[in-house]
Amino acid sequence: MKIFGYDKKGSSELLELSEVTFQIKANELKNVISFFQHVEREMEIHGKDFGHEHYKDYAEKISDNYDIIIISDAEAVLE
């Protein structure tokens, strides 16, 4: 697994990160866990054809300026 992210200042450079910290409420954590479970099912169903999923698409009501994107290791577009 690799972790990537962008600087919030708007940089277009994708950075490989060494860790991620979530400042999160319990109900938000439940939603994120549900999203990860959803993505796990999609990966199992689609196998090598799985591309990626966005948390913003899954949790339509989030208004914060962030997203969690899960990409298949098979895509390897970030290497």
N, C-alpha and C. Protein backbone atom coordinates (compact mmCIF):
# COMPACT_ATOMS: atom_id res chain seq x y z
N MET A 1 0.85 -1.17 0.00
CA MET A 1 0.00 0.00 0.00
C MET A 1 0.89 1.23 0.00
N LYS A 2 0.49 2.21 -0.77
CA LYS A 2 1.15 3.50 -0.78
C LYS A 2 0.09 4.56 -0.48
N ILE A 3 0.52 5.66 0.11
CA ILE A 3 -0.38 6.74 0.48
C ILE A 3 0.07 8.00 -0.25
N PHE A 4 -0.87 8.67 -0.91
CA PHE A 4 -0.57 9.86 -1.67
C PHE A 4 -1.50 10.99 -1.24
N GLY A 5 -1.13 12.21 -1.55
CA GLY A 5 -1.98 13.34 -1.25
C GLY A 5 -1.48 14.61 -1.91
N TYR A 6 -2.34 15.62 -1.88
CA TYR A 6 -2.02 16.94 -2.41
C TYR A 6 -1.95 17.94 -1.27
N ASP A 7 -1.15 18.95 -1.43
CA ASP A 7 -1.07 20.07 -0.51
C ASP A 7 -2.38 20.85 -0.60
N LYS A 8 -2.94 21.24 0.52
CA LYS A 8 -4.22 21.95 0.53
C LYS A 8 -4.12 23.33 -0.13
N LYS A 9 -2.93 23.84 -0.31
CA LYS A 9 -2.74 25.16 -0.90
C LYS A 9 -3.02 25.16 -2.40
N GLY A 10 -3.33 24.01 -2.96
CA GLY A 10 -3.70 23.94 -4.36
C GLY A 10 -2.61 23.46 -5.30
N SER A 11 -1.53 22.96 -4.76
CA SER A 11 -0.46 22.45 -5.60
C SER A 11 -0.98 21.26 -6.41
N SER A 12 -0.52 21.16 -7.64
CA SER A 12 -0.94 20.04 -8.49
C SER A 12 0.02 18.86 -8.39
N GLU A 13 1.04 18.99 -7.54
CA GLU A 13 2.02 17.91 -7.39
C GLU A 13 1.51 16.86 -6.41
N LEU A 14 1.38 15.63 -6.89
CA LEU A 14 0.96 14.51 -6.05
C LEU A 14 2.15 14.05 -5.23
N LEU A 15 1.99 14.02 -3.92
CA LEU A 15 3.09 13.66 -3.02
C LEU A 15 2.86 12.29 -2.41
N GLU A 16 3.91 11.49 -2.30
CA GLU A 16 3.81 10.24 -1.56
C GLU A 16 4.02 10.57 -0.09
N LEU A 17 3.10 10.13 0.75
CA LEU A 17 3.10 10.45 2.17
C LEU A 17 3.59 9.27 2.99
N SER A 18 4.12 9.56 4.17
CA SER A 18 4.56 8.49 5.07
C SER A 18 3.49 8.14 6.10
N GLU A 19 2.54 9.04 6.31
CA GLU A 19 1.45 8.75 7.24
C GLU A 19 0.28 9.67 6.94
N VAL A 20 -0.88 9.28 7.47
CA VAL A 20 -2.11 10.07 7.34
C VAL A 20 -2.71 10.18 8.73
N THR A 21 -3.17 11.37 9.08
CA THR A 21 -3.85 11.59 10.35
C THR A 21 -5.25 12.11 10.05
N PHE A 22 -6.27 11.49 10.65
CA PHE A 22 -7.64 11.93 10.50
C PHE A 22 -8.10 12.61 11.77
N GLN A 23 -8.54 13.85 11.68
CA GLN A 23 -9.22 14.51 12.79
C GLN A 23 -10.70 14.32 12.49
N ILE A 24 -11.38 13.49 13.28
CA ILE A 24 -12.67 12.96 12.85
C ILE A 24 -13.60 12.73 14.04
N LYS A 25 -14.89 12.92 13.82
CA LYS A 25 -15.91 12.63 14.82
C LYS A 25 -16.35 11.17 14.65
N ALA A 26 -16.94 10.61 15.69
CA ALA A 26 -17.33 9.19 15.67
C ALA A 26 -18.29 8.89 14.51
N ASN A 27 -19.26 9.75 14.28
CA ASN A 27 -20.22 9.47 13.20
C ASN A 27 -19.55 9.58 11.82
N GLU A 28 -18.57 10.48 11.69
CA GLU A 28 -17.82 10.58 10.45
C GLU A 28 -16.97 9.33 10.24
N LEU A 29 -16.39 8.82 11.32
CA LEU A 29 -15.58 7.61 11.24
C LEU A 29 -16.44 6.43 10.78
N LYS A 30 -17.67 6.34 11.28
CA LYS A 30 -18.58 5.28 10.83
C LYS A 30 -18.81 5.37 9.33
N ASN A 31 -18.97 6.59 8.82
CA ASN A 31 -19.18 6.78 7.38
C ASN A 31 -17.95 6.37 6.58
N VAL A 32 -16.77 6.72 7.07
CA VAL A 32 -15.53 6.36 6.38
C VAL A 32 -15.35 4.84 6.37
N ILE A 33 -15.62 4.20 7.50
CA ILE A 33 -15.53 2.74 7.58
C ILE A 33 -16.50 2.10 6.59
N SER A 34 -17.71 2.63 6.52
CA SER A 34 -18.70 2.12 5.57
C SER A 34 -18.21 2.28 4.14
N PHE A 35 -17.58 3.41 3.84
CA PHE A 35 -17.02 3.65 2.51
C PHE A 35 -15.94 2.62 2.19
N PHE A 36 -15.04 2.37 3.13
CA PHE A 36 -13.99 1.38 2.91
C PHE A 36 -14.59 -0.01 2.67
N GLN A 37 -15.63 -0.35 3.40
CA GLN A 37 -16.29 -1.64 3.20
C GLN A 37 -16.95 -1.71 1.82
N HIS A 38 -17.55 -0.61 1.40
CA HIS A 38 -18.15 -0.52 0.06
C HIS A 38 -17.08 -0.75 -1.01
N VAL A 39 -15.93 -0.09 -0.86
CA VAL A 39 -14.85 -0.22 -1.84
C VAL A 39 -14.31 -1.65 -1.84
N GLU A 40 -14.20 -2.25 -0.67
CA GLU A 40 -13.74 -3.65 -0.61
C GLU A 40 -14.66 -4.55 -1.43
N ARG A 41 -15.97 -4.37 -1.27
CA ARG A 41 -16.93 -5.19 -2.05
C ARG A 41 -16.76 -4.93 -3.54
N GLU A 42 -16.62 -3.67 -3.93
CA GLU A 42 -16.45 -3.32 -5.35
C GLU A 42 -15.17 -3.95 -5.92
N MET A 43 -14.10 -3.94 -5.14
CA MET A 43 -12.84 -4.54 -5.59
C MET A 43 -13.00 -6.05 -5.78
N GLU A 44 -13.72 -6.69 -4.86
CA GLU A 44 -13.93 -8.13 -4.97
C GLU A 44 -14.80 -8.46 -6.18
N ILE A 45 -15.81 -7.64 -6.44
CA ILE A 45 -16.71 -7.87 -7.57
C ILE A 45 -16.00 -7.65 -8.90
N HIS A 46 -15.25 -6.56 -9.02
CA HIS A 46 -14.67 -6.16 -10.31
C HIS A 46 -13.24 -6.63 -10.53
N GLY A 47 -12.59 -7.10 -9.48
CA GLY A 47 -11.24 -7.62 -9.64
C GLY A 47 -10.31 -6.63 -10.32
N LYS A 48 -9.60 -7.10 -11.35
CA LYS A 48 -8.63 -6.26 -12.06
C LYS A 48 -9.29 -5.08 -12.78
N ASP A 49 -10.60 -5.14 -13.00
CA ASP A 49 -11.30 -4.07 -13.69
C ASP A 49 -11.70 -2.92 -12.74
N PHE A 50 -11.45 -3.09 -11.45
CA PHE A 50 -11.76 -2.01 -10.51
C PHE A 50 -10.80 -0.85 -10.76
N GLY A 51 -11.34 0.34 -10.83
CA GLY A 51 -10.51 1.52 -11.04
C GLY A 51 -10.28 2.28 -9.75
N HIS A 52 -11.24 3.11 -9.37
CA HIS A 52 -11.12 3.88 -8.13
C HIS A 52 -12.50 4.35 -7.68
N GLU A 53 -12.58 4.75 -6.44
CA GLU A 53 -13.81 5.28 -5.85
C GLU A 53 -13.48 6.52 -5.03
N HIS A 54 -14.38 7.50 -5.08
CA HIS A 54 -14.24 8.74 -4.32
C HIS A 54 -15.22 8.76 -3.14
N TYR A 55 -14.71 9.13 -1.97
CA TYR A 55 -15.57 9.28 -0.81
C TYR A 55 -16.63 10.35 -1.05
N LYS A 56 -16.27 11.44 -1.74
CA LYS A 56 -17.24 12.51 -2.02
C LYS A 56 -18.43 12.00 -2.81
N ASP A 57 -18.20 11.04 -3.70
CA ASP A 57 -19.32 10.46 -4.46
C ASP A 57 -20.16 9.54 -3.59
N TYR A 58 -19.52 8.88 -2.64
CA TYR A 58 -20.20 7.93 -1.76
C TYR A 58 -20.99 8.67 -0.68
N ALA A 59 -20.40 9.67 -0.07
CA ALA A 59 -21.03 10.43 1.02
C ALA A 59 -21.44 11.79 0.47
N GLU A 60 -22.56 11.84 -0.19
CA GLU A 60 -23.00 13.02 -0.92
C GLU A 60 -23.14 14.28 -0.07
N LYS A 61 -23.33 14.14 1.21
CA LYS A 61 -23.63 15.30 2.05
C LYS A 61 -22.41 15.96 2.67
N ILE A 62 -21.22 15.49 2.36
CA ILE A 62 -20.05 16.15 2.96
C ILE A 62 -19.81 17.48 2.27
N SER A 63 -19.54 18.49 3.06
CA SER A 63 -19.36 19.83 2.51
C SER A 63 -17.92 20.31 2.66
N ASP A 64 -17.12 19.57 3.41
CA ASP A 64 -15.73 19.97 3.60
C ASP A 64 -14.95 19.79 2.30
N ASN A 65 -13.85 20.50 2.21
CA ASN A 65 -13.03 20.46 1.01
C ASN A 65 -11.98 19.35 1.12
N TYR A 66 -12.43 18.11 1.10
CA TYR A 66 -11.51 16.97 1.12
C TYR A 66 -12.16 15.80 0.40
N ASP A 67 -11.36 14.85 0.07
CA ASP A 67 -11.85 13.62 -0.54
C ASP A 67 -10.92 12.50 -0.12
N ILE A 68 -11.43 11.31 -0.07
CA ILE A 68 -10.64 10.10 0.13
C ILE A 68 -10.83 9.29 -1.15
N ILE A 69 -9.75 8.98 -1.81
CA ILE A 69 -9.83 8.24 -3.07
C ILE A 69 -9.10 6.92 -2.89
N ILE A 70 -9.80 5.84 -3.17
CA ILE A 70 -9.20 4.51 -3.11
C ILE A 70 -8.96 4.06 -4.55
N ILE A 71 -7.72 3.73 -4.85
CA ILE A 71 -7.34 3.29 -6.18
C ILE A 71 -6.77 1.89 -6.08
N SER A 72 -7.10 1.08 -7.06
CA SER A 72 -6.61 -0.29 -7.07
C SER A 72 -5.10 -0.34 -7.25
N ASP A 73 -4.46 -1.22 -6.57
CA ASP A 73 -3.03 -1.42 -6.73
C ASP A 73 -2.72 -1.89 -8.15
N ALA A 74 -3.70 -2.53 -8.79
CA ALA A 74 -3.52 -3.02 -10.15
C ALA A 74 -3.38 -1.89 -11.16
N GLU A 75 -3.95 -0.71 -10.86
CA GLU A 75 -3.85 0.41 -11.79
C GLU A 75 -2.42 0.94 -11.86
N ALA A 76 -1.76 1.02 -10.73
CA ALA A 76 -0.36 1.44 -10.64
C ALA A 76 -0.04 2.68 -11.46
N VAL A 77 -1.00 3.59 -11.57
CA VAL A 77 -0.79 4.81 -12.34
C VAL A 77 0.01 5.84 -11.53
N LEU A 78 0.14 5.61 -10.25
CA LEU A 78 0.80 6.59 -9.40
C LEU A 78 2.27 6.27 -9.19
N GLU A 79 2.77 5.25 -9.81
CA GLU A 79 4.18 4.88 -9.62
C GLU A 79 5.07 5.60 -10.59
